[in-house]
Structures are given as C-alpha cells and as structure tokens.
PDB file of N, CA and C in Angstrom:
ATOM      1  N   MET A   1      62.538  72.368  77.289  1.00  0.00           N
ATOM      2  CA  MET A   1      63.989  72.501  77.197  1.00  0.00           C
ATOM      3  C   MET A   1      64.567  72.697  78.599  1.00  0.00           C
ATOM      4  N   PRO A   2      65.514  71.866  79.010  1.00  0.00           N
ATOM      5  CA  PRO A   2      66.101  72.044  80.340  1.00  0.00           C
ATOM      6  C   PRO A   2      67.014  73.269  80.390  1.00  0.00           C
ATOM      7  N   LYS A   3      67.257  73.706  81.610  1.00  0.00           N
ATOM      8  CA  LYS A   3      68.158  74.843  81.784  1.00  0.00           C
ATOM      9  C   LYS A   3      69.573  74.450  81.387  1.00  0.00           C
ATOM     10  N   MET A   4      70.312  75.414  80.869  1.00  0.00           N
ATOM     11  CA  MET A   4      71.710  75.165  80.519  1.00  0.00           C
ATOM     12  C   MET A   4      72.563  75.319  81.765  1.00  0.00           C
ATOM     13  N   LYS A   5      73.613  74.513  81.864  1.00  0.00           N
ATOM     14  CA  LYS A   5      74.488  74.585  83.029  1.00  0.00           C
ATOM     15  C   LYS A   5      75.694  75.471  82.745  1.00  0.00           C
ATOM     16  N   THR A   6      76.026  76.294  83.714  1.00  0.00           N
ATOM     17  CA  THR A   6      77.219  77.124  83.654  1.00  0.00           C
ATOM     18  C   THR A   6      78.413  76.291  84.077  1.00  0.00           C
ATOM     19  N   SER A   7      79.511  76.429  83.364  1.00  0.00           N
ATOM     20  CA  SER A   7      80.761  75.798  83.784  1.00  0.00           C
ATOM     21  C   SER A   7      81.268  76.547  84.998  1.00  0.00           C
ATOM     22  N   ARG A   8      81.275  75.889  86.155  1.00  0.00           N
ATOM     23  CA  ARG A   8      81.663  76.569  87.387  1.00  0.00           C
ATOM     24  C   ARG A   8      83.137  76.958  87.376  1.00  0.00           C
ATOM     25  N   ALA A   9      83.962  76.162  86.718  1.00  0.00           N
ATOM     26  CA  ALA A   9      85.388  76.490  86.619  1.00  0.00           C
ATOM     27  C   ALA A   9      85.573  77.804  85.875  1.00  0.00           C
ATOM     28  N   ALA A  10      84.825  77.979  84.783  1.00  0.00           N
ATOM     29  CA  ALA A  10      84.930  79.207  83.993  1.00  0.00           C
ATOM     30  C   ALA A  10      84.304  80.393  84.733  1.00  0.00           C
ATOM     31  N   ALA A  11      83.222  80.138  85.450  1.00  0.00           N
ATOM     32  CA  ALA A  11      82.534  81.216  86.164  1.00  0.00           C
ATOM     33  C   ALA A  11      83.437  81.851  87.220  1.00  0.00           C
ATOM     34  N   LYS A  12      84.343  81.050  87.797  1.00  0.00           N
ATOM     35  CA  LYS A  12      85.263  81.569  88.800  1.00  0.00           C
ATOM     36  C   LYS A  12      86.409  82.365  88.170  1.00  0.00           C
ATOM     37  N   ARG A  13      86.656  82.163  86.893  1.00  0.00           N
ATOM     38  CA  ARG A  13      87.816  82.772  86.243  1.00  0.00           C
ATOM     39  C   ARG A  13      87.497  83.975  85.368  1.00  0.00           C
ATOM     40  N   PHE A  14      86.261  84.144  84.967  1.00  0.00           N
ATOM     41  CA  PHE A  14      85.894  85.210  84.042  1.00  0.00           C
ATOM     42  C   PHE A  14      84.794  86.077  84.612  1.00  0.00           C
ATOM     43  N   LYS A  15      84.909  87.388  84.372  1.00  0.00           N
ATOM     44  CA  LYS A  15      83.877  88.341  84.756  1.00  0.00           C
ATOM     45  C   LYS A  15      83.490  89.130  83.515  1.00  0.00           C
ATOM     46  N   LYS A  16      82.284  89.634  83.512  1.00  0.00           N
ATOM     47  CA  LYS A  16      81.806  90.412  82.379  1.00  0.00           C
ATOM     48  C   LYS A  16      82.009  91.896  82.659  1.00  0.00           C
ATOM     49  N   THR A  17      82.497  92.624  81.668  1.00  0.00           N
ATOM     50  CA  THR A  17      82.677  94.069  81.827  1.00  0.00           C
ATOM     51  C   THR A  17      81.370  94.784  81.495  1.00  0.00           C
ATOM     52  N   GLY A  18      81.335  96.071  81.683  1.00  0.00           N
ATOM     53  CA  GLY A  18      80.141  96.852  81.388  1.00  0.00           C
ATOM     54  C   GLY A  18      79.751  96.830  79.930  1.00  0.00           C
ATOM     55  N   THR A  19      80.748  96.687  79.050  1.00  0.00           N
ATOM     56  CA  THR A  19      80.465  96.666  77.607  1.00  0.00           C
ATOM     57  C   THR A  19      80.202  95.253  77.090  1.00  0.00           C
ATOM     58  N   GLY A  20      80.229  94.258  77.985  1.00  0.00           N
ATOM     59  CA  GLY A  20      79.920  92.889  77.573  1.00  0.00           C
ATOM     60  C   GLY A  20      81.118  92.034  77.222  1.00  0.00           C
ATOM     61  N   LYS A  21      82.315  92.577  77.379  1.00  0.00           N
ATOM     62  CA  LYS A  21      83.512  91.782  77.097  1.00  0.00           C
ATOM     63  C   LYS A  21      83.851  90.921  78.308  1.00  0.00           C
ATOM     64  N   LEU A  22      84.702  89.908  78.101  1.00  0.00           N
ATOM     65  CA  LEU A  22      85.095  89.026  79.195  1.00  0.00           C
ATOM     66  C   LEU A  22      86.458  89.428  79.736  1.00  0.00           C
ATOM     67  N   LYS A  23      86.531  89.597  81.047  1.00  0.00           N
ATOM     68  CA  LYS A  23      87.766  89.986  81.715  1.00  0.00           C
ATOM     69  C   LYS A  23      88.364  88.757  82.379  1.00  0.00           C
ATOM     70  N   ARG A  24      89.684  88.632  82.312  1.00  0.00           N
ATOM     71  CA  ARG A  24      90.359  87.497  82.934  1.00  0.00           C
ATOM     72  C   ARG A  24      91.676  87.959  83.531  1.00  0.00           C
ATOM     73  N   MET A  25      92.213  87.151  84.451  1.00  0.00           N
ATOM     74  CA  MET A  25      93.533  87.424  84.996  1.00  0.00           C
ATOM     75  C   MET A  25      94.575  86.691  84.150  1.00  0.00           C
ATOM     76  N   LYS A  26      95.797  87.188  84.168  1.00  0.00           N
ATOM     77  CA  LYS A  26      96.858  86.596  83.363  1.00  0.00           C
ATOM     78  C   LYS A  26      97.449  85.367  84.041  1.00  0.00           C
ATOM     79  N   ALA A  27      98.006  84.475  83.245  1.00  0.00           N
ATOM     80  CA  ALA A  27      98.618  83.244  83.742  1.00  0.00           C
ATOM     81  C   ALA A  27     100.094  83.484  84.076  1.00  0.00           C
ATOM     82  N   TYR A  28     100.755  82.448  84.561  1.00  0.00           N
ATOM     83  CA  TYR A  28     102.208  82.436  84.857  1.00  0.00           C
ATOM     84  C   TYR A  28     102.591  83.323  86.038  1.00  0.00           C
ATOM     85  N   LYS A  29     101.719  83.456  87.017  1.00  0.00           N
ATOM     86  CA  LYS A  29     102.014  84.287  88.187  1.00  0.00           C
ATOM     87  C   LYS A  29     101.916  83.479  89.468  1.00  0.00           C
ATOM     88  N   SER A  30     101.919  82.135  89.381  1.00  0.00           N
ATOM     89  CA  SER A  30     101.682  81.336  90.584  1.00  0.00           C
ATOM     90  C   SER A  30     102.947  80.798  91.234  1.00  0.00           C
ATOM     91  N   HIS A  31     103.952  80.434  90.474  1.00  0.00           N
ATOM     92  CA  HIS A  31     105.178  79.890  91.083  1.00  0.00           C
ATOM     93  C   HIS A  31     106.368  80.124  90.162  1.00  0.00           C
ATOM     94  N   ILE A  32     107.552  79.775  90.630  1.00  0.00           N
ATOM     95  CA  ILE A  32     108.830  80.046  89.945  1.00  0.00           C
ATOM     96  C   ILE A  32     108.931  81.540  89.613  1.00  0.00           C
ATOM     97  N   LEU A  33     108.774  82.360  90.634  1.00  0.00           N
ATOM     98  CA  LEU A  33     108.758  83.807  90.424  1.00  0.00           C
ATOM     99  C   LEU A  33     110.147  84.434  90.552  1.00  0.00           C
ATOM    100  N   THR A  34     111.133  83.671  91.041  1.00  0.00           N
ATOM    101  CA  THR A  34     112.452  84.257  91.275  1.00  0.00           C
ATOM    102  C   THR A  34     113.149  84.618  89.975  1.00  0.00           C
ATOM    103  N   LYS A  35     112.940  83.850  88.927  1.00  0.00           N
ATOM    104  CA  LYS A  35     113.620  84.126  87.658  1.00  0.00           C
ATOM    105  C   LYS A  35     112.890  85.157  86.789  1.00  0.00           C
ATOM    106  N   LYS A  36     111.699  85.538  87.196  1.00  0.00           N
ATOM    107  CA  LYS A  36     110.937  86.519  86.422  1.00  0.00           C
ATOM    108  C   LYS A  36     111.279  87.928  86.916  1.00  0.00           C
ATOM    109  N   THR A  37     111.384  88.853  85.978  1.00  0.00           N
ATOM    110  CA  THR A  37     111.741  90.222  86.337  1.00  0.00           C
ATOM    111  C   THR A  37     110.576  90.907  87.057  1.00  0.00           C
ATOM    112  N   ALA A  38     110.884  91.958  87.777  1.00  0.00           N
ATOM    113  CA  ALA A  38     109.862  92.714  88.505  1.00  0.00           C
ATOM    114  C   ALA A  38     108.849  93.306  87.529  1.00  0.00           C
ATOM    115  N   LYS A  39     109.329  93.770  86.383  1.00  0.00           N
ATOM    116  CA  LYS A  39     108.441  94.353  85.381  1.00  0.00           C
ATOM    117  C   LYS A  39     107.461  93.316  84.857  1.00  0.00           C
ATOM    118  N   ARG A  40     107.972  92.104  84.602  1.00  0.00           N
ATOM    119  CA  ARG A  40     107.124  91.028  84.087  1.00  0.00           C
ATOM    120  C   ARG A  40     106.055  90.627  85.120  1.00  0.00           C
ATOM    121  N   LYS A  41     106.450  90.515  86.379  1.00  0.00           N
ATOM    122  CA  LYS A  41     105.508  90.148  87.445  1.00  0.00           C
ATOM    123  C   LYS A  41     104.467  91.246  87.660  1.00  0.00           C
ATOM    124  N   ARG A  42     104.906  92.498  87.558  1.00  0.00           N
ATOM    125  CA  ARG A  42     103.996  93.628  87.716  1.00  0.00           C
ATOM    126  C   ARG A  42     102.938  93.624  86.618  1.00  0.00           C
ATOM    127  N   ASN A  43     103.344  93.334  85.392  1.00  0.00           N
ATOM    128  CA  ASN A  43     102.393  93.296  84.277  1.00  0.00           C
ATOM    129  C   ASN A  43     101.443  92.101  84.358  1.00  0.00           C
ATOM    130  N   LEU A  44     101.874  91.016  84.995  1.00  0.00           N
ATOM    131  CA  LEU A  44     101.016  89.844  85.155  1.00  0.00           C
ATOM    132  C   LEU A  44      99.927  90.069  86.199  1.00  0.00           C
ATOM    133  N   ARG A  45     100.087  91.089  87.043  1.00  0.00           N
ATOM    134  CA  ARG A  45      99.087  91.399  88.065  1.00  0.00           C
ATOM    135  C   ARG A  45      97.778  91.899  87.455  1.00  0.00           C
ATOM    136  N   LYS A  46      97.890  92.617  86.366  1.00  0.00           N
ATOM    137  CA  LYS A  46      96.734  93.301  85.805  1.00  0.00           C
ATOM    138  C   LYS A  46      95.801  92.342  85.070  1.00  0.00           C
ATOM    139  N   ALA A  47      94.526  92.644  85.124  1.00  0.00           N
ATOM    140  CA  ALA A  47      93.534  91.869  84.368  1.00  0.00           C
ATOM    141  C   ALA A  47      93.590  92.295  82.912  1.00  0.00           C
ATOM    142  N   THR A  48      93.072  91.435  82.037  1.00  0.00           N
ATOM    143  CA  THR A  48      93.060  91.736  80.613  1.00  0.00           C
ATOM    144  C   THR A  48      91.764  91.226  80.000  1.00  0.00           C
ATOM    145  N   ILE A  49      91.516  91.595  78.763  1.00  0.00           N
ATOM    146  CA  ILE A  49      90.308  91.185  78.056  1.00  0.00           C
ATOM    147  C   ILE A  49      90.585  89.867  77.324  1.00  0.00           C
ATOM    148  N   THR A  50      89.627  88.947  77.379  1.00  0.00           N
ATOM    149  CA  THR A  50      89.757  87.677  76.669  1.00  0.00           C
ATOM    150  C   THR A  50      89.789  87.931  75.165  1.00  0.00           C
ATOM    151  N   ASP A  51      90.630  87.188  74.469  1.00  0.00           N
ATOM    152  CA  ASP A  51      90.789  87.355  73.030  1.00  0.00           C
ATOM    153  C   ASP A  51      89.489  87.022  72.297  1.00  0.00           C
ATOM    154  N   VAL A  52      89.224  87.738  71.204  1.00  0.00           N
ATOM    155  CA  VAL A  52      87.969  87.556  70.462  1.00  0.00           C
ATOM    156  C   VAL A  52      87.829  86.148  69.876  1.00  0.00           C
ATOM    157  N   THR A  53      88.959  85.473  69.634  1.00  0.00           N
ATOM    158  CA  THR A  53      88.887  84.121  69.074  1.00  0.00           C
ATOM    159  C   THR A  53      88.316  83.115  70.067  1.00  0.00           C
ATOM    160  N   ASN A  54      88.375  83.421  71.364  1.00  0.00           N
ATOM    161  CA  ASN A  54      87.865  82.515  72.397  1.00  0.00           C
ATOM    162  C   ASN A  54      86.481  82.889  72.909  1.00  0.00           C
ATOM    163  N   VAL A  55      86.003  84.066  72.563  1.00  0.00           N
ATOM    164  CA  VAL A  55      84.762  84.571  73.150  1.00  0.00           C
ATOM    165  C   VAL A  55      83.569  83.680  72.820  1.00  0.00           C
ATOM    166  N   LYS A  56      83.490  83.161  71.610  1.00  0.00           N
ATOM    167  CA  LYS A  56      82.360  82.329  71.202  1.00  0.00           C
ATOM    168  C   LYS A  56      82.251  81.094  72.099  1.00  0.00           C
ATOM    169  N   ASN A  57      83.377  80.439  72.353  1.00  0.00           N
ATOM    170  CA  ASN A  57      83.380  79.261  73.225  1.00  0.00           C
ATOM    171  C   ASN A  57      83.064  79.640  74.667  1.00  0.00           C
ATOM    172  N   MET A  58      83.552  80.786  75.106  1.00  0.00           N
ATOM    173  CA  MET A  58      83.317  81.210  76.485  1.00  0.00           C
ATOM    174  C   MET A  58      81.841  81.503  76.714  1.00  0.00           C
ATOM    175  N   LYS A  59      81.171  82.115  75.747  1.00  0.00           N
ATOM    176  CA  LYS A  59      79.746  82.427  75.872  1.00  0.00           C
ATOM    177  C   LYS A  59      78.922  81.137  75.944  1.00  0.00           C
ATOM    178  N   LYS A  60      79.428  80.073  75.311  1.00  0.00           N
ATOM    179  CA  LYS A  60      78.739  78.796  75.319  1.00  0.00           C
ATOM    180  C   LYS A  60      78.788  78.141  76.705  1.00  0.00           C
ATOM    181  N   ILE A  61      79.927  78.230  77.373  1.00  0.00           N
ATOM    182  CA  ILE A  61      80.049  77.593  78.692  1.00  0.00           C
ATOM    183  C   ILE A  61      79.633  78.527  79.826  1.00  0.00           C
ATOM    184  N   LEU A  62      79.381  79.795  79.486  1.00  0.00           N
ATOM    185  CA  LEU A  62      78.868  80.767  80.467  1.00  0.00           C
ATOM    186  C   LEU A  62      77.572  81.378  79.936  1.00  0.00           C
ATOM    187  N   PRO A  63      76.503  80.600  79.823  1.00  0.00           N
ATOM    188  CA  PRO A  63      75.291  81.081  79.155  1.00  0.00           C
ATOM    189  C   PRO A  63      74.579  82.220  79.884  1.00  0.00           C
ATOM    190  N   TYR A  64      74.731  82.309  81.201  1.00  0.00           N
ATOM    191  CA  TYR A  64      73.982  83.326  81.960  1.00  0.00           C
ATOM    192  C   TYR A  64      74.856  84.466  82.451  1.00  0.00           C
ATOM    193  N   LEU A  65      76.050  84.590  81.919  1.00  0.00           N
ATOM    194  CA  LEU A  65      76.946  85.652  82.361  1.00  0.00           C
ATOM    195  C   LEU A  65      76.504  86.990  81.821  1.00  0.00           C
TER     196      LEU A  65
END
C-alpha cells in the first residue's frame, strides 16, 4: 500500500489542538475592511474550531495530522 498524500493546501490552513480537534482561522478578513465594524474585524482575528460536519473530510485529506 503506498503512502497517503497530505493536501498541502489544507496542511497550511489547519492545526491540531491538544484534544485532537482542528483549529482554523476565520474568513472575510483579507480585503474590503473599511465597511466592516471594528468589533467584526476584532472577532475575525481569533481562531476557531472546525465544525464537526467537516471533520470527517478534513481527516481524509490530512491523514498524518
């Protein structure tokens, strides 16, 4: 059986927490920031946990994480 390949795009975007969950950064923080409120931009800074509905697919493309 050949080795499984990690999706490099996903590997750059997701990290594993100590409990085994997937951590990701939030979207919508790259451009058109003038119309977004300070509170909204501040909340987009923080990392969050990947939703459980996506975890199965993420584990498939990140086999060695």
